[in-house]
Amino acid sequence: MKNFFVVPLLVVAAASTRSACTTFFITKNGQMVFDRNYDWITATGMVCTNLRGLQKISLAERWKISPWVSQYGSITFNQYGKEFPAGGMNEKMCNE
């Protein structure tokens, strides 16, 4: 009987210490909003503006370099350096 109460208590305690992200998507009157946040404490970050037409270099799988030119300007949130964004927003939707 003792384990009947202890095991569920441990499961609840373990679940409450886990971290996760929260995301949502809302659409109303043709307007779409997507957002997410990190539900854990992180180090400081920076908000960067990226102009359209900037030449960039991405590191792809197995350290292959992939150069590209930005088609749209964007604002990004970066925690690990300017070229390592954790999220952001383009000035225009890509499918327009």
C-alpha atoms as a PDB file:
ATOM      1  CA  MET A   1       0.000   0.000   0.000  1.00  0.00           C
ATOM      2  CA  LYS A   2       2.914   2.327   0.722  1.00  0.00           C
ATOM      3  CA  ASN A   3       4.191   2.095  -2.889  1.00  0.00           C
ATOM      4  CA  PHE A   4       0.681   2.871  -4.150  1.00  0.00           C
ATOM      5  CA  PHE A   5       1.095   6.478  -2.937  1.00  0.00           C
ATOM      6  CA  VAL A   6       4.866   6.917  -3.322  1.00  0.00           C
ATOM      7  CA  VAL A   7       5.140   6.015  -7.030  1.00  0.00           C
ATOM      8  CA  PRO A   8       2.472   8.493  -8.269  1.00  0.00           C
ATOM      9  CA  LEU A   9       3.995  11.179  -6.064  1.00  0.00           C
ATOM     10  CA  LEU A  10       7.423  10.630  -7.650  1.00  0.00           C
ATOM     11  CA  VAL A  11       5.924  10.776 -11.158  1.00  0.00           C
ATOM     12  CA  VAL A  12       4.229  14.106 -10.416  1.00  0.00           C
ATOM     13  CA  ALA A  13       7.412  15.522  -8.854  1.00  0.00           C
ATOM     14  CA  ALA A  14       9.523  14.468 -11.852  1.00  0.00           C
ATOM     15  CA  ALA A  15       7.023  15.928 -14.330  1.00  0.00           C
ATOM     16  CA  SER A  16       6.904  19.267 -12.536  1.00  0.00           C
ATOM     17  CA  THR A  17      10.696  19.729 -12.809  1.00  0.00           C
ATOM     18  CA  ARG A  18      10.776  19.104 -16.564  1.00  0.00           C
ATOM     19  CA  SER A  19      11.194  22.077 -18.912  1.00  0.00           C
ATOM     20  CA  ALA A  20       9.426  22.570 -22.213  1.00  0.00           C
ATOM     21  CA  CYS A  21       8.467  25.200 -24.745  1.00  0.00           C
ATOM     22  CA  THR A  22       5.052  26.731 -25.222  1.00  0.00           C
ATOM     23  CA  THR A  23       3.820  27.411 -28.758  1.00  0.00           C
ATOM     24  CA  PHE A  24       0.588  28.672 -30.227  1.00  0.00           C
ATOM     25  CA  PHE A  25      -0.952  29.569 -33.579  1.00  0.00           C
ATOM     26  CA  ILE A  26      -3.953  31.856 -33.981  1.00  0.00           C
ATOM     27  CA  THR A  27      -5.754  32.786 -37.168  1.00  0.00           C
ATOM     28  CA  LYS A  28      -8.553  35.364 -37.290  1.00  0.00           C
ATOM     29  CA  ASN A  29      -9.897  37.390 -40.209  1.00  0.00           C
ATOM     30  CA  GLY A  30      -7.070  36.199 -42.445  1.00  0.00           C
ATOM     31  CA  GLN A  31      -4.342  37.284 -40.002  1.00  0.00           C
ATOM     32  CA  MET A  32      -2.014  34.582 -38.687  1.00  0.00           C
ATOM     33  CA  VAL A  33       0.047  34.755 -35.502  1.00  0.00           C
ATOM     34  CA  PHE A  34       2.509  32.112 -34.361  1.00  0.00           C
ATOM     35  CA  ASP A  35       4.517  32.450 -31.165  1.00  0.00           C
ATOM     36  CA  ARG A  36       6.668  30.371 -28.865  1.00  0.00           C
ATOM     37  CA  ASN A  37       8.698  30.857 -25.754  1.00  0.00           C
ATOM     38  CA  TYR A  38      11.245  28.992 -23.749  1.00  0.00           C
ATOM     39  CA  ASP A  39       9.807  27.901 -20.429  1.00  0.00           C
ATOM     40  CA  TRP A  40      13.173  27.755 -18.721  1.00  0.00           C
ATOM     41  CA  ILE A  41      15.728  30.269 -17.550  1.00  0.00           C
ATOM     42  CA  THR A  42      18.346  31.031 -20.183  1.00  0.00           C
ATOM     43  CA  ALA A  43      21.345  33.280 -20.437  1.00  0.00           C
ATOM     44  CA  THR A  44      21.070  36.716 -21.997  1.00  0.00           C
ATOM     45  CA  GLY A  45      20.491  37.097 -25.707  1.00  0.00           C
ATOM     46  CA  MET A  46      20.384  39.818 -28.320  1.00  0.00           C
ATOM     47  CA  VAL A  47      17.923  41.035 -30.916  1.00  0.00           C
ATOM     48  CA  CYS A  48      19.535  41.488 -34.345  1.00  0.00           C
ATOM     49  CA  THR A  49      18.284  43.136 -37.518  1.00  0.00           C
ATOM     50  CA  ASN A  50      19.250  41.508 -40.803  1.00  0.00           C
ATOM     51  CA  LEU A  51      18.912  43.529 -44.009  1.00  0.00           C
ATOM     52  CA  ARG A  52      17.616  42.025 -47.237  1.00  0.00           C
ATOM     53  CA  GLY A  53      20.350  41.250 -49.752  1.00  0.00           C
ATOM     54  CA  LEU A  54      22.927  40.276 -47.105  1.00  0.00           C
ATOM     55  CA  GLN A  55      25.337  37.532 -48.067  1.00  0.00           C
ATOM     56  CA  LYS A  56      25.300  34.788 -45.443  1.00  0.00           C
ATOM     57  CA  ILE A  57      27.087  31.510 -44.888  1.00  0.00           C
ATOM     58  CA  SER A  58      25.361  28.585 -43.208  1.00  0.00           C
ATOM     59  CA  LEU A  59      26.988  25.520 -41.733  1.00  0.00           C
ATOM     60  CA  ALA A  60      25.102  22.501 -42.999  1.00  0.00           C
ATOM     61  CA  GLU A  61      25.413  18.851 -42.065  1.00  0.00           C
ATOM     62  CA  ARG A  62      28.977  17.635 -41.502  1.00  0.00           C
ATOM     63  CA  TRP A  63      30.355  21.191 -41.554  1.00  0.00           C
ATOM     64  CA  LYS A  64      29.557  21.803 -45.237  1.00  0.00           C
ATOM     65  CA  ILE A  65      29.387  25.518 -46.002  1.00  0.00           C
ATOM     66  CA  SER A  66      26.276  26.796 -47.804  1.00  0.00           C
ATOM     67  CA  PRO A  67      26.399  30.437 -48.985  1.00  0.00           C
ATOM     68  CA  TRP A  68      23.122  32.284 -49.579  1.00  0.00           C
ATOM     69  CA  VAL A  69      21.711  35.801 -49.938  1.00  0.00           C
ATOM     70  CA  SER A  70      18.789  36.912 -47.776  1.00  0.00           C
ATOM     71  CA  GLN A  71      15.697  37.658 -49.825  1.00  0.00           C
ATOM     72  CA  TYR A  72      13.898  39.484 -46.995  1.00  0.00           C
ATOM     73  CA  GLY A  73      14.956  41.562 -44.021  1.00  0.00           C
ATOM     74  CA  SER A  74      14.378  40.033 -40.610  1.00  0.00           C
ATOM     75  CA  ILE A  75      14.606  40.517 -36.894  1.00  0.00           C
ATOM     76  CA  THR A  76      16.045  37.590 -34.943  1.00  0.00           C
ATOM     77  CA  PHE A  77      16.568  36.640 -31.320  1.00  0.00           C
ATOM     78  CA  ASN A  78      20.032  35.174 -30.833  1.00  0.00           C
ATOM     79  CA  GLN A  79      21.418  33.559 -27.690  1.00  0.00           C
ATOM     80  CA  TYR A  80      24.509  31.852 -29.024  1.00  0.00           C
ATOM     81  CA  GLY A  81      25.908  34.490 -31.409  1.00  0.00           C
ATOM     82  CA  LYS A  82      24.701  36.724 -34.259  1.00  0.00           C
ATOM     83  CA  GLU A  83      24.608  33.978 -36.865  1.00  0.00           C
ATOM     84  CA  PHE A  84      22.889  31.418 -34.609  1.00  0.00           C
ATOM     85  CA  PRO A  85      19.289  32.647 -34.238  1.00  0.00           C
ATOM     86  CA  ALA A  86      16.863  30.879 -31.919  1.00  0.00           C
ATOM     87  CA  GLY A  87      13.867  32.536 -33.600  1.00  0.00           C
ATOM     88  CA  GLY A  88      12.744  35.572 -35.506  1.00  0.00           C
ATOM     89  CA  MET A  89      10.454  37.117 -38.071  1.00  0.00           C
ATOM     90  CA  ASN A  90      10.846  38.007 -41.758  1.00  0.00           C
ATOM     91  CA  GLU A  91       9.518  41.269 -43.180  1.00  0.00           C
ATOM     92  CA  LYS A  92       7.337  39.325 -45.619  1.00  0.00           C
ATOM     93  CA  MET A  93       5.798  35.881 -45.784  1.00  0.00           C
ATOM     94  CA  CYS A  94       7.794  33.640 -48.127  1.00  0.00           C
ATOM     95  CA  ASN A  95       4.767  32.428 -50.092  1.00  0.00           C
ATOM     96  CA  GLU A  96       3.528  35.922 -51.074  1.00  0.00           C
END
